[in-house]
Amino acid sequence: MTVGVVGLGLIGASIAKTIRKHTDFIVLGYDMSDKVMESARLDGTIDGELDLTLDKCDIVVVALYPDDIVEFVKKNADNLKDTIVIDCGGTKTKVCTELFPVAKKSGFTFIGGHPMAGIEKSGYDYSTDSLFDGAFMIMVPDEDIDARTLDYAKMFFISLGFYRITVTTAEEHDKIIAYTSQLAHIASSAYVKSPTSLQNLGFSAGSFKDMTRVAYLNENMWSELFLQNKDFLLGELKVLIDNLTEYYEAISIGDRDALMALLTDGKQKRIASWTSVEQGRVRRK
């Protein structure tokens, strides 16, 4: 198999390195940075440069920002005959809505994708061949996709060490990601803005580190993701603000019973959410 990887940042380069680690596939890569391309060639991440003859690839993974994904695929649609194209963007509605029709017209298969793995830092220098070990991969196929093609794409990611493939719709993806990923980044960014955060030396431990980790983010990418998923994200922000207001009011009037009830409810919901995750892992095994 020949796999093309477009965009050799954290995700794209990690996919390329993971392919090299787990398979004997040929890996062709493209990045707009000459420095990144040189590094990828020198350290063996890629076998060669991905040119415009994209149809020689069995699979093309596009690891760019959502707007750039749409632009790249539309621009190169005529060079993607009989190829499976999978993106790695953090939102799916716009990407899939625009590219499903393009794929049908041009004769290739487009699958929306989102690898659920990452770190707070970005760029080629932070990519690794272990980033996706045990990770979930979300796939959003067109409703008319051939079942064998979808299975082929699933097995590709399983071969790279992904733990589970979740198949869903673009809308469901964006709705849940607004909570599990995007809201967490906003909450972390807002939390660390307290003036007290600059006085934490000798006073902080794991909870401070956990809460502030993802505030170190790529603001160019995340601002695009937030605005593309505006409606779902605003809904989650409203729920968070309302919940915080309940804590504020209970503490301000000294209502310990109300505060205890809020804390207990939060603990129980945390147990329930993680029990669901672990049960899913058991069923997978």
C-alpha atoms as a PDB file:
ATOM      1  CA  MET A   1       0.000   0.000   0.000  1.00  0.00           C
ATOM      2  CA  THR A   2       1.072   3.548  -0.668  1.00  0.00           C
ATOM      3  CA  VAL A   3      -0.134   6.194   1.784  1.00  0.00           C
ATOM      4  CA  GLY A   4       0.100   9.921   1.229  1.00  0.00           C
ATOM      5  CA  VAL A   5       0.157  12.293   4.201  1.00  0.00           C
ATOM      6  CA  VAL A   6      -0.633  15.954   3.582  1.00  0.00           C
ATOM      7  CA  GLY A   7       0.492  18.221   6.419  1.00  0.00           C
ATOM      8  CA  LEU A   8       3.391  17.040   8.565  1.00  0.00           C
ATOM      9  CA  GLY A   9       2.546  18.746  11.830  1.00  0.00           C
ATOM     10  CA  LEU A  10       1.984  16.907  15.105  1.00  0.00           C
ATOM     11  CA  ILE A  11      -0.836  14.685  13.809  1.00  0.00           C
ATOM     12  CA  GLY A  12       0.251  14.175  10.214  1.00  0.00           C
ATOM     13  CA  ALA A  13       3.886  13.447  11.028  1.00  0.00           C
ATOM     14  CA  SER A  14       2.854  11.144  13.876  1.00  0.00           C
ATOM     15  CA  ILE A  15       0.654   9.209  11.448  1.00  0.00           C
ATOM     16  CA  ALA A  16       3.558   8.934   9.008  1.00  0.00           C
ATOM     17  CA  LYS A  17       5.923   7.756  11.745  1.00  0.00           C
ATOM     18  CA  THR A  18       3.350   5.297  13.047  1.00  0.00           C
ATOM     19  CA  ILE A  19       2.875   3.829   9.560  1.00  0.00           C
ATOM     20  CA  ARG A  20       6.632   3.321   9.307  1.00  0.00           C
ATOM     21  CA  LYS A  21       6.723   1.682  12.739  1.00  0.00           C
ATOM     22  CA  HIS A  22       3.839  -0.769  12.289  1.00  0.00           C
ATOM     23  CA  THR A  23       3.724  -1.503   8.548  1.00  0.00           C
ATOM     24  CA  ASP A  24       5.811  -1.855   5.416  1.00  0.00           C
ATOM     25  CA  PHE A  25       3.677   0.651   3.491  1.00  0.00           C
ATOM     26  CA  ILE A  26       5.272   3.297   1.319  1.00  0.00           C
ATOM     27  CA  VAL A  27       4.782   6.752   2.874  1.00  0.00           C
ATOM     28  CA  LEU A  28       4.772   9.894   0.747  1.00  0.00           C
ATOM     29  CA  GLY A  29       4.496  13.236   2.489  1.00  0.00           C
ATOM     30  CA  TYR A  30       3.841  16.878   1.765  1.00  0.00           C
ATOM     31  CA  ASP A  31       4.229  19.985   3.893  1.00  0.00           C
ATOM     32  CA  MET A  32       4.451  23.616   2.846  1.00  0.00           C
ATOM     33  CA  SER A  33       7.566  24.019   5.013  1.00  0.00           C
ATOM     34  CA  ASP A  34      10.792  23.089   3.237  1.00  0.00           C
ATOM     35  CA  LYS A  35      12.460  22.643   6.621  1.00  0.00           C
ATOM     36  CA  VAL A  36       9.844  20.117   7.717  1.00  0.00           C
ATOM     37  CA  MET A  37      10.123  18.219   4.427  1.00  0.00           C
ATOM     38  CA  GLU A  38      13.894  18.043   4.785  1.00  0.00           C
ATOM     39  CA  SER A  39      13.588  16.749   8.352  1.00  0.00           C
ATOM     40  CA  ALA A  40      11.015  14.145   7.318  1.00  0.00           C
ATOM     41  CA  ARG A  41      13.253  12.858   4.545  1.00  0.00           C
ATOM     42  CA  LEU A  42      16.415  12.838   6.629  1.00  0.00           C
ATOM     43  CA  ASP A  43      14.968  10.975   9.609  1.00  0.00           C
ATOM     44  CA  GLY A  44      13.110   8.459   7.437  1.00  0.00           C
ATOM     45  CA  THR A  45       9.590   9.559   8.315  1.00  0.00           C
ATOM     46  CA  ILE A  46       8.678   9.572   4.615  1.00  0.00           C
ATOM     47  CA  ASP A  47       9.947   7.652   1.601  1.00  0.00           C
ATOM     48  CA  GLY A  48       9.505  10.587  -0.706  1.00  0.00           C
ATOM     49  CA  GLU A  49       7.559  13.702  -1.573  1.00  0.00           C
ATOM     50  CA  LEU A  50       3.871  13.515  -2.408  1.00  0.00           C
ATOM     51  CA  ASP A  51       3.363  15.287  -5.712  1.00  0.00           C
ATOM     52  CA  LEU A  52       0.156  16.103  -7.539  1.00  0.00           C
ATOM     53  CA  THR A  53      -0.185  12.538  -8.819  1.00  0.00           C
ATOM     54  CA  LEU A  54      -2.221  11.676  -5.752  1.00  0.00           C
ATOM     55  CA  ASP A  55      -4.070   8.789  -7.386  1.00  0.00           C
ATOM     56  CA  LYS A  56      -1.008   6.565  -7.040  1.00  0.00           C
ATOM     57  CA  CYS A  57      -1.851   6.504  -3.326  1.00  0.00           C
ATOM     58  CA  ASP A  58      -4.291   3.940  -1.950  1.00  0.00           C
ATOM     59  CA  ILE A  59      -5.053   6.257   0.963  1.00  0.00           C
ATOM     60  CA  VAL A  60      -4.396   9.985   1.364  1.00  0.00           C
ATOM     61  CA  VAL A  61      -4.516  11.376   4.913  1.00  0.00           C
ATOM     62  CA  VAL A  62      -5.072  15.133   5.023  1.00  0.00           C
ATOM     63  CA  ALA A  63      -3.886  16.555   8.349  1.00  0.00           C
ATOM     64  CA  LEU A  64      -4.582  20.263   7.963  1.00  0.00           C
ATOM     65  CA  TYR A  65      -6.921  22.807   9.554  1.00  0.00           C
ATOM     66  CA  PRO A  66     -10.553  22.291   8.459  1.00  0.00           C
ATOM     67  CA  ASP A  67     -10.683  25.223   6.008  1.00  0.00           C
ATOM     68  CA  ASP A  68      -7.385  24.113   4.476  1.00  0.00           C
ATOM     69  CA  ILE A  69      -8.643  20.526   4.207  1.00  0.00           C
ATOM     70  CA  VAL A  70     -11.595  21.670   2.128  1.00  0.00           C
ATOM     71  CA  GLU A  71      -9.399  23.879  -0.048  1.00  0.00           C
ATOM     72  CA  PHE A  72      -6.765  21.182  -0.639  1.00  0.00           C
ATOM     73  CA  VAL A  73      -9.212  18.432  -1.540  1.00  0.00           C
ATOM     74  CA  LYS A  74     -11.251  20.634  -3.863  1.00  0.00           C
ATOM     75  CA  LYS A  75      -8.091  21.881  -5.581  1.00  0.00           C
ATOM     76  CA  ASN A  76      -6.778  18.346  -6.127  1.00  0.00           C
ATOM     77  CA  ALA A  77     -10.068  16.501  -6.675  1.00  0.00           C
ATOM     78  CA  ASP A  78      -9.255  15.584 -10.273  1.00  0.00           C
ATOM     79  CA  ASN A  79      -6.038  13.876  -9.117  1.00  0.00           C
ATOM     80  CA  LEU A  80      -7.727  11.592  -6.586  1.00  0.00           C
ATOM     81  CA  LYS A  81      -9.399   8.986  -8.790  1.00  0.00           C
ATOM     82  CA  ASP A  82     -10.159   5.718  -6.944  1.00  0.00           C
ATOM     83  CA  THR A  83      -8.344   6.959  -3.817  1.00  0.00           C
ATOM     84  CA  ILE A  84      -9.619   6.930  -0.233  1.00  0.00           C
ATOM     85  CA  VAL A  85      -9.157  10.386   1.316  1.00  0.00           C
ATOM     86  CA  ILE A  86      -9.428  10.736   5.095  1.00  0.00           C
ATOM     87  CA  ASP A  87      -9.005  14.003   6.949  1.00  0.00           C
ATOM     88  CA  CYS A  88      -7.904  14.597  10.546  1.00  0.00           C
ATOM     89  CA  GLY A  89      -9.690  17.868  11.302  1.00  0.00           C
ATOM     90  CA  GLY A  90     -11.279  18.662  14.657  1.00  0.00           C
ATOM     91  CA  THR A  91     -14.713  19.524  13.224  1.00  0.00           C
ATOM     92  CA  LYS A  92     -16.659  17.520  10.705  1.00  0.00           C
ATOM     93  CA  THR A  93     -19.870  19.233   9.588  1.00  0.00           C
ATOM     94  CA  LYS A  94     -18.345  21.792   7.222  1.00  0.00           C
ATOM     95  CA  VAL A  95     -15.658  19.436   5.930  1.00  0.00           C
ATOM     96  CA  CYS A  96     -18.028  16.553   5.203  1.00  0.00           C
ATOM     97  CA  THR A  97     -20.846  18.708   3.831  1.00  0.00           C
ATOM     98  CA  GLU A  98     -18.513  20.302   1.306  1.00  0.00           C
ATOM     99  CA  LEU A  99     -16.395  17.292   0.373  1.00  0.00           C
ATOM    100  CA  PHE A 100     -18.852  14.391   0.108  1.00  0.00           C
ATOM    101  CA  PRO A 101     -20.337  15.850  -3.124  1.00  0.00           C
ATOM    102  CA  VAL A 102     -16.867  16.632  -4.482  1.00  0.00           C
ATOM    103  CA  ALA A 103     -15.764  13.043  -3.915  1.00  0.00           C
ATOM    104  CA  LYS A 104     -18.822  11.604  -5.663  1.00  0.00           C
ATOM    105  CA  LYS A 105     -18.358  13.868  -8.664  1.00  0.00           C
ATOM    106  CA  SER A 106     -14.624  13.179  -8.999  1.00  0.00           C
ATOM    107  CA  GLY A 107     -14.677   9.429  -8.341  1.00  0.00           C
ATOM    108  CA  PHE A 108     -12.863   9.070  -5.021  1.00  0.00           C
ATOM    109  CA  THR A 109     -14.028   8.203  -1.507  1.00  0.00           C
ATOM    110  CA  PHE A 110     -13.943  10.826   1.226  1.00  0.00           C
ATOM    111  CA  ILE A 111     -14.210   9.846   4.899  1.00  0.00           C
ATOM    112  CA  GLY A 112     -14.237  12.429   7.657  1.00  0.00           C
ATOM    113  CA  GLY A 113     -11.759  11.457  10.348  1.00  0.00           C
ATOM    114  CA  HIS A 114     -10.641  12.626  13.771  1.00  0.00           C
ATOM    115  CA  PRO A 115      -7.891  10.808  15.700  1.00  0.00           C
ATOM    116  CA  MET A 116      -8.604  11.291  19.396  1.00  0.00           C
ATOM    117  CA  ALA A 117      -5.028  11.851  20.500  1.00  0.00           C
ATOM    118  CA  GLY A 118      -2.700  14.769  20.895  1.00  0.00           C
ATOM    119  CA  ILE A 119      -0.595  16.828  23.237  1.00  0.00           C
ATOM    120  CA  GLU A 120      -0.670  20.489  24.124  1.00  0.00           C
ATOM    121  CA  LYS A 121       2.279  21.250  21.820  1.00  0.00           C
ATOM    122  CA  SER A 122       2.153  21.255  18.040  1.00  0.00           C
ATOM    123  CA  GLY A 123       4.460  20.862  15.076  1.00  0.00           C
ATOM    124  CA  TYR A 124       6.706  18.278  13.475  1.00  0.00           C
ATOM    125  CA  ASP A 125       9.290  18.349  16.261  1.00  0.00           C
ATOM    126  CA  TYR A 126       6.764  16.964  18.760  1.00  0.00           C
ATOM    127  CA  SER A 127       5.468  14.135  16.550  1.00  0.00           C
ATOM    128  CA  THR A 128       6.022  10.538  17.683  1.00  0.00           C
ATOM    129  CA  ASP A 129       5.326   7.001  16.488  1.00  0.00           C
ATOM    130  CA  SER A 130       3.419   6.201  19.700  1.00  0.00           C
ATOM    131  CA  LEU A 131       0.894   9.070  19.824  1.00  0.00           C
ATOM    132  CA  PHE A 132      -2.002   6.860  18.738  1.00  0.00           C
ATOM    133  CA  ASP A 133      -1.276   3.782  20.831  1.00  0.00           C
ATOM    134  CA  GLY A 134      -4.599   2.798  22.383  1.00  0.00           C
ATOM    135  CA  ALA A 135      -6.385   5.886  20.980  1.00  0.00           C
ATOM    136  CA  PHE A 136      -9.881   6.162  19.518  1.00  0.00           C
ATOM    137  CA  MET A 137     -10.355   7.039  15.852  1.00  0.00           C
ATOM    138  CA  ILE A 138     -13.612   8.692  14.805  1.00  0.00           C
ATOM    139  CA  MET A 139     -14.793   8.131  11.237  1.00  0.00           C
ATOM    140  CA  VAL A 140     -17.630   9.957   9.460  1.00  0.00           C
ATOM    141  CA  PRO A 141     -18.425   8.206   6.155  1.00  0.00           C
ATOM    142  CA  ASP A 142     -20.876   9.258   3.476  1.00  0.00           C
ATOM    143  CA  GLU A 143     -24.131   7.323   3.881  1.00  0.00           C
ATOM    144  CA  ASP A 144     -23.576   5.768   0.431  1.00  0.00           C
ATOM    145  CA  ILE A 145     -20.104   4.399   1.167  1.00  0.00           C
ATOM    146  CA  ASP A 146     -19.346   0.836   0.147  1.00  0.00           C
ATOM    147  CA  ALA A 147     -19.088  -1.362   3.266  1.00  0.00           C
ATOM    148  CA  ARG A 148     -15.875  -2.988   2.059  1.00  0.00           C
ATOM    149  CA  THR A 149     -14.249   0.407   1.551  1.00  0.00           C
ATOM    150  CA  LEU A 150     -15.190   1.467   5.069  1.00  0.00           C
ATOM    151  CA  ASP A 151     -13.836  -1.787   6.519  1.00  0.00           C
ATOM    152  CA  TYR A 152     -10.607  -1.274   4.567  1.00  0.00           C
ATOM    153  CA  ALA A 153     -10.203   2.186   6.091  1.00  0.00           C
ATOM    154  CA  LYS A 154     -10.989   0.857   9.571  1.00  0.00           C
ATOM    155  CA  MET A 155      -8.362  -1.862   9.313  1.00  0.00           C
ATOM    156  CA  PHE A 156      -5.807   0.697   8.155  1.00  0.00           C
ATOM    157  CA  PHE A 157      -6.142   2.600  11.425  1.00  0.00           C
ATOM    158  CA  ILE A 158      -6.332  -0.545  13.541  1.00  0.00           C
ATOM    159  CA  SER A 159      -3.019  -1.590  11.981  1.00  0.00           C
ATOM    160  CA  LEU A 160      -1.508   1.659  13.309  1.00  0.00           C
ATOM    161  CA  GLY A 161      -2.354   0.833  16.926  1.00  0.00           C
ATOM    162  CA  PHE A 162      -5.664   2.636  17.326  1.00  0.00           C
ATOM    163  CA  TYR A 163      -7.730   0.906  19.987  1.00  0.00           C
ATOM    164  CA  ARG A 164     -11.219   1.508  18.664  1.00  0.00           C
ATOM    165  CA  ILE A 165     -12.939   2.943  15.601  1.00  0.00           C
ATOM    166  CA  THR A 166     -16.110   4.955  16.246  1.00  0.00           C
ATOM    167  CA  VAL A 167     -18.359   5.510  13.222  1.00  0.00           C
ATOM    168  CA  THR A 168     -20.777   8.412  13.549  1.00  0.00           C
ATOM    169  CA  THR A 169     -22.340  11.367  11.743  1.00  0.00           C
ATOM    170  CA  ALA A 170     -20.780  14.787  11.324  1.00  0.00           C
ATOM    171  CA  GLU A 171     -23.429  16.408  13.508  1.00  0.00           C
ATOM    172  CA  GLU A 172     -23.046  13.888  16.327  1.00  0.00           C
ATOM    173  CA  HIS A 173     -19.276  14.247  16.192  1.00  0.00           C
ATOM    174  CA  ASP A 174     -19.395  18.023  16.482  1.00  0.00           C
ATOM    175  CA  LYS A 175     -21.999  17.924  19.246  1.00  0.00           C
ATOM    176  CA  ILE A 176     -19.968  15.607  21.485  1.00  0.00           C
ATOM    177  CA  ILE A 177     -16.561  17.088  20.648  1.00  0.00           C
ATOM    178  CA  ALA A 178     -17.864  20.486  21.752  1.00  0.00           C
ATOM    179  CA  TYR A 179     -18.036  19.019  25.256  1.00  0.00           C
ATOM    180  CA  THR A 180     -15.222  16.461  25.435  1.00  0.00           C
ATOM    181  CA  SER A 181     -12.552  18.588  23.772  1.00  0.00           C
ATOM    182  CA  GLN A 182     -13.404  22.166  22.908  1.00  0.00           C
ATOM    183  CA  LEU A 183     -15.076  23.149  26.186  1.00  0.00           C
ATOM    184  CA  ALA A 184     -12.150  21.679  28.130  1.00  0.00           C
ATOM    185  CA  HIS A 185      -9.701  23.905  26.254  1.00  0.00           C
ATOM    186  CA  ILE A 186     -11.790  27.016  26.899  1.00  0.00           C
ATOM    187  CA  ALA A 187     -12.234  26.170  30.586  1.00  0.00           C
ATOM    188  CA  SER A 188      -8.483  25.643  30.961  1.00  0.00           C
ATOM    189  CA  SER A 189      -7.683  28.908  29.174  1.00  0.00           C
ATOM    190  CA  ALA A 190     -10.136  30.847  31.345  1.00  0.00           C
ATOM    191  CA  TYR A 191      -8.992  29.170  34.578  1.00  0.00           C
ATOM    192  CA  VAL A 192      -5.308  30.007  34.131  1.00  0.00           C
ATOM    193  CA  LYS A 193      -6.073  33.718  33.651  1.00  0.00           C
ATOM    194  CA  SER A 194      -6.542  34.269  37.385  1.00  0.00           C
ATOM    195  CA  PRO A 195      -3.808  36.586  38.744  1.00  0.00           C
ATOM    196  CA  THR A 196      -3.223  33.951  41.419  1.00  0.00           C
ATOM    197  CA  SER A 197      -1.830  31.578  38.781  1.00  0.00           C
ATOM    198  CA  LEU A 198       1.392  33.621  38.792  1.00  0.00           C
ATOM    199  CA  GLN A 199       1.804  33.032  42.536  1.00  0.00           C
ATOM    200  CA  ASN A 200       1.510  29.234  42.497  1.00  0.00           C
ATOM    201  CA  LEU A 201       5.161  28.320  43.171  1.00  0.00           C
ATOM    202  CA  GLY A 202       5.187  25.922  46.100  1.00  0.00           C
ATOM    203  CA  PHE A 203       1.389  25.799  46.228  1.00  0.00           C
ATOM    204  CA  SER A 204       0.441  23.688  43.201  1.00  0.00           C
ATOM    205  CA  ALA A 205       0.209  19.970  42.543  1.00  0.00           C
ATOM    206  CA  GLY A 206      -1.567  17.605  40.164  1.00  0.00           C
ATOM    207  CA  SER A 207      -4.921  19.371  40.049  1.00  0.00           C
ATOM    208  CA  PHE A 208      -3.352  22.667  38.929  1.00  0.00           C
ATOM    209  CA  LYS A 209      -1.276  20.875  36.303  1.00  0.00           C
ATOM    210  CA  ASP A 210      -4.281  18.939  34.993  1.00  0.00           C
ATOM    211  CA  MET A 211      -6.472  22.027  34.800  1.00  0.00           C
ATOM    212  CA  THR A 212      -3.921  24.196  32.999  1.00  0.00           C
ATOM    213  CA  ARG A 213      -2.277  21.693  30.623  1.00  0.00           C
ATOM    214  CA  VAL A 214      -4.416  22.356  27.547  1.00  0.00           C
ATOM    215  CA  ALA A 215      -4.368  26.129  28.001  1.00  0.00           C
ATOM    216  CA  TYR A 216      -1.029  25.778  26.174  1.00  0.00           C
ATOM    217  CA  LEU A 217      -2.670  25.512  22.760  1.00  0.00           C
ATOM    218  CA  ASN A 218      -2.371  26.520  19.137  1.00  0.00           C
ATOM    219  CA  GLU A 219      -4.653  29.545  19.070  1.00  0.00           C
ATOM    220  CA  ASN A 220      -4.792  29.656  15.262  1.00  0.00           C
ATOM    221  CA  MET A 221      -6.199  26.156  15.022  1.00  0.00           C
ATOM    222  CA  TRP A 222      -8.453  26.232  18.078  1.00  0.00           C
ATOM    223  CA  SER A 223     -10.068  29.558  17.239  1.00  0.00           C
ATOM    224  CA  GLU A 224     -11.015  28.127  13.837  1.00  0.00           C
ATOM    225  CA  LEU A 225     -12.435  24.984  15.457  1.00  0.00           C
ATOM    226  CA  PHE A 226     -14.412  26.951  18.044  1.00  0.00           C
ATOM    227  CA  LEU A 227     -16.026  29.225  15.478  1.00  0.00           C
ATOM    228  CA  GLN A 228     -16.829  26.374  13.091  1.00  0.00           C
ATOM    229  CA  ASN A 229     -18.611  24.579  15.928  1.00  0.00           C
ATOM    230  CA  LYS A 230     -20.172  27.736  17.346  1.00  0.00           C
ATOM    231  CA  ASP A 231     -23.706  26.510  18.035  1.00  0.00           C
ATOM    232  CA  PHE A 232     -22.816  23.317  19.889  1.00  0.00           C
ATOM    233  CA  LEU A 233     -19.977  25.002  21.767  1.00  0.00           C
ATOM    234  CA  LEU A 234     -22.120  27.927  22.927  1.00  0.00           C
ATOM    235  CA  GLY A 235     -24.639  25.427  24.289  1.00  0.00           C
ATOM    236  CA  GLU A 236     -21.959  23.666  26.328  1.00  0.00           C
ATOM    237  CA  LEU A 237     -20.550  26.984  27.554  1.00  0.00           C
ATOM    238  CA  LYS A 238     -24.004  28.001  28.767  1.00  0.00           C
ATOM    239  CA  VAL A 239     -24.352  24.754  30.727  1.00  0.00           C
ATOM    240  CA  LEU A 240     -20.919  25.277  32.319  1.00  0.00           C
ATOM    241  CA  ILE A 241     -21.680  28.885  33.235  1.00  0.00           C
ATOM    242  CA  ASP A 242     -25.004  27.866  34.795  1.00  0.00           C
ATOM    243  CA  ASN A 243     -23.311  25.101  36.783  1.00  0.00           C
ATOM    244  CA  LEU A 244     -20.585  27.432  38.045  1.00  0.00           C
ATOM    245  CA  THR A 245     -23.252  29.918  39.077  1.00  0.00           C
ATOM    246  CA  GLU A 246     -24.862  27.278  41.298  1.00  0.00           C
ATOM    247  CA  TYR A 247     -21.555  26.708  43.104  1.00  0.00           C
ATOM    248  CA  TYR A 248     -21.008  30.459  43.422  1.00  0.00           C
ATOM    249  CA  GLU A 249     -24.422  31.014  44.973  1.00  0.00           C
ATOM    250  CA  ALA A 250     -24.141  28.092  47.415  1.00  0.00           C
ATOM    251  CA  ILE A 251     -20.737  29.280  48.636  1.00  0.00           C
ATOM    252  CA  SER A 252     -21.719  32.958  48.784  1.00  0.00           C
ATOM    253  CA  ILE A 253     -24.652  32.301  51.162  1.00  0.00           C
ATOM    254  CA  GLY A 254     -22.819  29.588  53.116  1.00  0.00           C
ATOM    255  CA  ASP A 255     -25.296  26.835  52.194  1.00  0.00           C
ATOM    256  CA  ARG A 256     -23.274  23.738  53.013  1.00  0.00           C
ATOM    257  CA  ASP A 257     -26.096  21.313  52.267  1.00  0.00           C
ATOM    258  CA  ALA A 258     -26.516  22.747  48.777  1.00  0.00           C
ATOM    259  CA  LEU A 259     -22.757  22.696  48.228  1.00  0.00           C
ATOM    260  CA  MET A 260     -22.517  19.088  49.414  1.00  0.00           C
ATOM    261  CA  ALA A 261     -25.299  18.130  47.019  1.00  0.00           C
ATOM    262  CA  LEU A 262     -23.539  19.840  44.097  1.00  0.00           C
ATOM    263  CA  LEU A 263     -20.232  18.136  44.872  1.00  0.00           C
ATOM    264  CA  THR A 264     -21.850  14.738  45.326  1.00  0.00           C
ATOM    265  CA  ASP A 265     -23.718  15.099  42.046  1.00  0.00           C
ATOM    266  CA  GLY A 266     -20.505  16.004  40.252  1.00  0.00           C
ATOM    267  CA  LYS A 267     -18.659  13.038  41.728  1.00  0.00           C
ATOM    268  CA  GLN A 268     -21.424  10.628  40.733  1.00  0.00           C
ATOM    269  CA  LYS A 269     -21.527  11.944  37.174  1.00  0.00           C
ATOM    270  CA  ARG A 270     -17.767  11.554  36.913  1.00  0.00           C
ATOM    271  CA  ILE A 271     -18.020   7.929  38.088  1.00  0.00           C
ATOM    272  CA  ALA A 272     -20.832   7.255  35.622  1.00  0.00           C
ATOM    273  CA  SER A 273     -18.977   8.767  32.669  1.00  0.00           C
ATOM    274  CA  TRP A 274     -15.764   6.846  33.298  1.00  0.00           C
ATOM    275  CA  THR A 275     -17.632   3.620  34.040  1.00  0.00           C
ATOM    276  CA  SER A 276     -19.164   3.926  30.580  1.00  0.00           C
ATOM    277  CA  VAL A 277     -15.716   4.382  29.023  1.00  0.00           C
ATOM    278  CA  GLU A 278     -14.278   1.363  30.839  1.00  0.00           C
ATOM    279  CA  GLN A 279     -17.247  -0.814  29.931  1.00  0.00           C
ATOM    280  CA  GLY A 280     -16.658   0.092  26.317  1.00  0.00           C
ATOM    281  CA  ARG A 281     -13.049  -1.022  26.635  1.00  0.00           C
ATOM    282  CA  VAL A 282     -14.097  -4.338  28.202  1.00  0.00           C
ATOM    283  CA  ARG A 283     -16.593  -4.996  25.390  1.00  0.00           C
ATOM    284  CA  ARG A 284     -13.900  -4.225  22.848  1.00  0.00           C
ATOM    285  CA  LYS A 285     -11.590  -6.808  24.424  1.00  0.00           C
END
